[in-house]
C-alpha atoms as a PDB file:
ATOM      1  CA  UNK A   1      11.357  -5.852  59.774  1.00  0.00           C
ATOM      2  CA  UNK A   2      10.079  -7.018  63.157  1.00  0.00           C
ATOM      3  CA  UNK A   3       7.910  -3.917  63.407  1.00  0.00           C
ATOM      4  CA  UNK A   4       6.389  -4.601  59.976  1.00  0.00           C
ATOM      5  CA  UNK A   5       5.665  -8.213  60.947  1.00  0.00           C
ATOM      6  CA  UNK A   6       3.912  -7.149  64.142  1.00  0.00           C
ATOM      7  CA  UNK A   7       1.974  -4.484  62.238  1.00  0.00           C
ATOM      8  CA  UNK A   8       0.913  -7.160  59.753  1.00  0.00           C
ATOM      9  CA  UNK A   9      -0.194  -9.506  62.542  1.00  0.00           C
ATOM     10  CA  UNK A  10      -2.055  -6.680  64.255  1.00  0.00           C
ATOM     11  CA  UNK A  11      -3.818  -5.913  60.979  1.00  0.00           C
ATOM     12  CA  UNK A  12      -4.831  -9.564  60.568  1.00  0.00           C
ATOM     13  CA  UNK A  13      -5.985  -9.620  64.182  1.00  0.00           C
ATOM     14  CA  UNK A  14      -8.400  -6.848  63.377  1.00  0.00           C
ATOM     15  CA  UNK A  15      -6.879  -3.761  64.857  1.00  0.00           C
ATOM     16  CA  UNK A  16      -3.931  -1.501  65.109  1.00  0.00           C
ATOM     17  CA  UNK A  17      -1.494  -1.036  67.902  1.00  0.00           C
ATOM     18  CA  UNK A  18      -3.088   0.183  71.069  1.00  0.00           C
ATOM     19  CA  UNK A  19      -2.375   0.151  74.745  1.00  0.00           C
ATOM     20  CA  UNK A  20      -4.171  -2.476  76.707  1.00  0.00           C
ATOM     21  CA  UNK A  21      -5.670  -3.015  80.114  1.00  0.00           C
ATOM     22  CA  UNK A  22      -3.587  -6.176  80.469  1.00  0.00           C
ATOM     23  CA  UNK A  23      -0.616  -5.670  82.793  1.00  0.00           C
ATOM     24  CA  UNK A  24       2.866  -6.947  81.999  1.00  0.00           C
ATOM     25  CA  UNK A  25       2.564  -9.594  84.731  1.00  0.00           C
ATOM     26  CA  UNK A  26      -0.945 -10.738  83.714  1.00  0.00           C
ATOM     27  CA  UNK A  27      -0.813 -14.495  83.123  1.00  0.00           C
ATOM     28  CA  UNK A  28      -3.364 -14.134  80.314  1.00  0.00           C
ATOM     29  CA  UNK A  29      -1.021 -11.799  78.450  1.00  0.00           C
ATOM     30  CA  UNK A  30       1.910 -14.186  78.951  1.00  0.00           C
ATOM     31  CA  UNK A  31      -0.111 -17.144  77.661  1.00  0.00           C
ATOM     32  CA  UNK A  32      -1.479 -15.154  74.722  1.00  0.00           C
ATOM     33  CA  UNK A  33       2.031 -14.015  73.763  1.00  0.00           C
ATOM     34  CA  UNK A  34       3.203 -17.646  73.708  1.00  0.00           C
ATOM     35  CA  UNK A  35       0.262 -18.502  71.461  1.00  0.00           C
ATOM     36  CA  UNK A  36       1.100 -15.607  69.131  1.00  0.00           C
ATOM     37  CA  UNK A  37       4.656 -16.924  68.989  1.00  0.00           C
ATOM     38  CA  UNK A  38       3.335 -20.342  67.924  1.00  0.00           C
ATOM     39  CA  UNK A  39       1.271 -18.747  65.146  1.00  0.00           C
ATOM     40  CA  UNK A  40       4.233 -16.781  63.806  1.00  0.00           C
ATOM     41  CA  UNK A  41       7.114 -19.253  64.308  1.00  0.00           C
ATOM     42  CA  UNK A  42       6.765 -20.950  60.928  1.00  0.00           C
ATOM     43  CA  UNK A  43       6.565 -17.658  59.040  1.00  0.00           C
ATOM     44  CA  UNK A  44       3.070 -18.437  57.736  1.00  0.00           C
ATOM     45  CA  UNK A  45       0.284 -16.616  59.534  1.00  0.00           C
ATOM     46  CA  UNK A  46      -2.876 -18.421  58.536  1.00  0.00           C
ATOM     47  CA  UNK A  47      -6.437 -17.258  58.945  1.00  0.00           C
ATOM     48  CA  UNK A  48      -7.318 -20.607  60.556  1.00  0.00           C
ATOM     49  CA  UNK A  49      -4.625 -20.180  63.191  1.00  0.00           C
ATOM     50  CA  UNK A  50      -5.678 -16.607  63.962  1.00  0.00           C
ATOM     51  CA  UNK A  51      -9.351 -17.615  64.207  1.00  0.00           C
ATOM     52  CA  UNK A  52      -8.465 -20.481  66.540  1.00  0.00           C
ATOM     53  CA  UNK A  53      -6.293 -18.146  68.606  1.00  0.00           C
ATOM     54  CA  UNK A  54      -9.144 -15.647  69.004  1.00  0.00           C
ATOM     55  CA  UNK A  55     -11.600 -18.380  70.020  1.00  0.00           C
ATOM     56  CA  UNK A  56      -9.153 -19.877  72.522  1.00  0.00           C
ATOM     57  CA  UNK A  57      -8.441 -16.551  74.189  1.00  0.00           C
ATOM     58  CA  UNK A  58     -12.130 -15.724  74.541  1.00  0.00           C
ATOM     59  CA  UNK A  59     -13.149 -19.183  75.742  1.00  0.00           C
ATOM     60  CA  UNK A  60     -10.244 -20.098  78.035  1.00  0.00           C
ATOM     61  CA  UNK A  61     -10.030 -16.712  79.728  1.00  0.00           C
ATOM     62  CA  UNK A  62     -13.781 -15.986  79.683  1.00  0.00           C
ATOM     63  CA  UNK A  63     -13.373 -12.765  77.715  1.00  0.00           C
ATOM     64  CA  UNK A  64     -15.784 -10.846  75.546  1.00  0.00           C
ATOM     65  CA  UNK A  65     -14.902 -10.639  71.873  1.00  0.00           C
ATOM     66  CA  UNK A  66     -13.670  -7.076  72.385  1.00  0.00           C
ATOM     67  CA  UNK A  67     -11.500  -7.968  75.367  1.00  0.00           C
ATOM     68  CA  UNK A  68     -10.087 -10.967  73.496  1.00  0.00           C
ATOM     69  CA  UNK A  69      -9.106  -8.619  70.643  1.00  0.00           C
ATOM     70  CA  UNK A  70      -7.424  -6.259  73.122  1.00  0.00           C
ATOM     71  CA  UNK A  71      -5.554  -9.165  74.673  1.00  0.00           C
ATOM     72  CA  UNK A  72      -4.474 -10.363  71.232  1.00  0.00           C
ATOM     73  CA  UNK A  73      -3.213  -6.897  70.273  1.00  0.00           C
ATOM     74  CA  UNK A  74      -1.254  -6.628  73.529  1.00  0.00           C
ATOM     75  CA  UNK A  75       0.131 -10.142  73.058  1.00  0.00           C
ATOM     76  CA  UNK A  76       1.329  -9.344  69.539  1.00  0.00           C
ATOM     77  CA  UNK A  77       3.202  -6.346  70.893  1.00  0.00           C
ATOM     78  CA  UNK A  78       4.685  -8.312  73.815  1.00  0.00           C
ATOM     79  CA  UNK A  79       5.798 -11.145  71.556  1.00  0.00           C
ATOM     80  CA  UNK A  80       7.504  -8.695  69.208  1.00  0.00           C
ATOM     81  CA  UNK A  81       9.392  -7.133  72.132  1.00  0.00           C
ATOM     82  CA  UNK A  82      10.407 -10.449  73.729  1.00  0.00           C
ATOM     83  CA  UNK A  83      13.933 -11.764  73.542  1.00  0.00           C
ATOM     84  CA  UNK A  84      13.132 -15.241  74.886  1.00  0.00           C
ATOM     85  CA  UNK A  85      10.339 -17.421  76.253  1.00  0.00           C
ATOM     86  CA  UNK A  86      11.416 -17.106  79.879  1.00  0.00           C
ATOM     87  CA  UNK A  87       9.666 -13.778  80.391  1.00  0.00           C
ATOM     88  CA  UNK A  88       6.336 -15.401  79.563  1.00  0.00           C
ATOM     89  CA  UNK A  89       6.874 -18.757  81.229  1.00  0.00           C
ATOM     90  CA  UNK A  90       8.098 -17.234  84.486  1.00  0.00           C
ATOM     91  CA  UNK A  91       4.838 -15.271  84.801  1.00  0.00           C
ATOM     92  CA  UNK A  92       2.853 -18.444  84.099  1.00  0.00           C
ATOM     93  CA  UNK A  93       4.872 -20.479  86.596  1.00  0.00           C
ATOM     94  CA  UNK A  94       4.128 -17.936  89.333  1.00  0.00           C
ATOM     95  CA  UNK A  95       0.432 -17.582  88.494  1.00  0.00           C
ATOM     96  CA  UNK A  96      -0.666 -21.093  87.536  1.00  0.00           C
ATOM     97  CA  UNK A  97      -0.758 -24.513  89.070  1.00  0.00           C
ATOM     98  CA  UNK A  98       0.428 -27.624  87.242  1.00  0.00           C
ATOM     99  CA  UNK A  99      -2.924 -28.210  85.539  1.00  0.00           C
ATOM    100  CA  UNK A 100      -3.049 -24.600  84.327  1.00  0.00           C
ATOM    101  CA  UNK A 101       0.425 -24.885  82.826  1.00  0.00           C
ATOM    102  CA  UNK A 102      -0.579 -28.101  81.052  1.00  0.00           C
ATOM    103  CA  UNK A 103      -3.601 -26.257  79.648  1.00  0.00           C
ATOM    104  CA  UNK A 104      -1.262 -23.596  78.213  1.00  0.00           C
ATOM    105  CA  UNK A 105       0.739 -26.331  76.463  1.00  0.00           C
ATOM    106  CA  UNK A 106      -2.536 -27.770  75.171  1.00  0.00           C
ATOM    107  CA  UNK A 107      -3.563 -24.357  73.830  1.00  0.00           C
ATOM    108  CA  UNK A 108      -0.197 -24.037  72.088  1.00  0.00           C
ATOM    109  CA  UNK A 109      -0.737 -27.360  70.323  1.00  0.00           C
ATOM    110  CA  UNK A 110      -4.325 -26.418  69.426  1.00  0.00           C
ATOM    111  CA  UNK A 111      -3.143 -23.240  67.723  1.00  0.00           C
ATOM    112  CA  UNK A 112      -0.307 -25.095  66.006  1.00  0.00           C
ATOM    113  CA  UNK A 113      -2.643 -27.770  64.600  1.00  0.00           C
ATOM    114  CA  UNK A 114      -5.273 -25.213  63.513  1.00  0.00           C
ATOM    115  CA  UNK A 115      -3.754 -24.965  60.031  1.00  0.00           C
ATOM    116  CA  UNK A 116      -3.866 -28.715  59.516  1.00  0.00           C
ATOM    117  CA  UNK A 117      -0.524 -29.882  60.861  1.00  0.00           C
ATOM    118  CA  UNK A 118       2.334 -29.373  63.245  1.00  0.00           C
ATOM    119  CA  UNK A 119       5.602 -28.053  61.815  1.00  0.00           C
ATOM    120  CA  UNK A 120       8.956 -28.921  63.347  1.00  0.00           C
ATOM    121  CA  UNK A 121       9.333 -25.261  64.372  1.00  0.00           C
ATOM    122  CA  UNK A 122       6.001 -25.295  66.217  1.00  0.00           C
ATOM    123  CA  UNK A 123       6.760 -28.634  67.872  1.00  0.00           C
ATOM    124  CA  UNK A 124      10.181 -27.408  68.992  1.00  0.00           C
ATOM    125  CA  UNK A 125       8.712 -24.182  70.365  1.00  0.00           C
ATOM    126  CA  UNK A 126       6.070 -26.042  72.375  1.00  0.00           C
ATOM    127  CA  UNK A 127       8.740 -28.438  73.653  1.00  0.00           C
ATOM    128  CA  UNK A 128      10.934 -25.543  74.857  1.00  0.00           C
ATOM    129  CA  UNK A 129       7.990 -23.732  76.457  1.00  0.00           C
ATOM    130  CA  UNK A 130       6.771 -26.936  78.137  1.00  0.00           C
ATOM    131  CA  UNK A 131      10.229 -27.476  79.617  1.00  0.00           C
ATOM    132  CA  UNK A 132      10.227 -23.928  81.008  1.00  0.00           C
ATOM    133  CA  UNK A 133       6.698 -24.467  82.341  1.00  0.00           C
ATOM    134  CA  UNK A 134       7.814 -27.624  84.162  1.00  0.00           C
ATOM    135  CA  UNK A 135       5.435 -29.771  82.129  1.00  0.00           C
ATOM    136  CA  UNK A 136       6.949 -33.231  81.853  1.00  0.00           C
ATOM    137  CA  UNK A 137       7.915 -34.710  78.496  1.00  0.00           C
ATOM    138  CA  UNK A 138       5.398 -37.479  79.097  1.00  0.00           C
ATOM    139  CA  UNK A 139       2.586 -34.966  79.673  1.00  0.00           C
ATOM    140  CA  UNK A 140       3.642 -32.923  76.634  1.00  0.00           C
ATOM    141  CA  UNK A 141       3.647 -35.963  74.342  1.00  0.00           C
ATOM    142  CA  UNK A 142       0.279 -37.089  75.713  1.00  0.00           C
ATOM    143  CA  UNK A 143      -1.199 -33.601  75.191  1.00  0.00           C
ATOM    144  CA  UNK A 144       0.195 -33.437  71.644  1.00  0.00           C
ATOM    145  CA  UNK A 145      -1.328 -36.829  70.798  1.00  0.00           C
ATOM    146  CA  UNK A 146      -4.702 -35.876  72.278  1.00  0.00           C
ATOM    147  CA  UNK A 147      -4.824 -32.589  70.351  1.00  0.00           C
ATOM    148  CA  UNK A 148      -3.630 -34.243  67.117  1.00  0.00           C
ATOM    149  CA  UNK A 149      -6.281 -36.961  67.440  1.00  0.00           C
ATOM    150  CA  UNK A 150      -8.979 -34.326  68.026  1.00  0.00           C
ATOM    151  CA  UNK A 151      -7.960 -32.483  64.854  1.00  0.00           C
ATOM    152  CA  UNK A 152      -7.738 -35.661  62.795  1.00  0.00           C
ATOM    153  CA  UNK A 153     -10.968 -37.104  64.158  1.00  0.00           C
END
């Protein structure tokens, strides 16, 4: 079942399974896998969320459209193979400073709100990831409010 879900996500993302130039310890892959997890956590994979995810990957990591698609495909595979969030957050903790980790939390909320609202599953996932990323509860709540206000405004 997990394989069929990842195949479905890969199909929506615009490609099949392929190997990628993104290494296992690449912080971009770790961040992208967390974002994929946000998109899939509520069981509804919306076109708006996937479009937002693609745009975020390209813009935040300064990637071409093709490289963003490769990163997304690799992230879908990594997320499907993951047993917990620690594998992703530990890479991010080693590679990023505090501001970078806050930006990852912001990206997670942006993807979560892309379909019009934040589900309790998405909010809980971002909370757990933020804790593992050493982003304070105060910062997380402030980021969530800022992103929510941007989507409502």
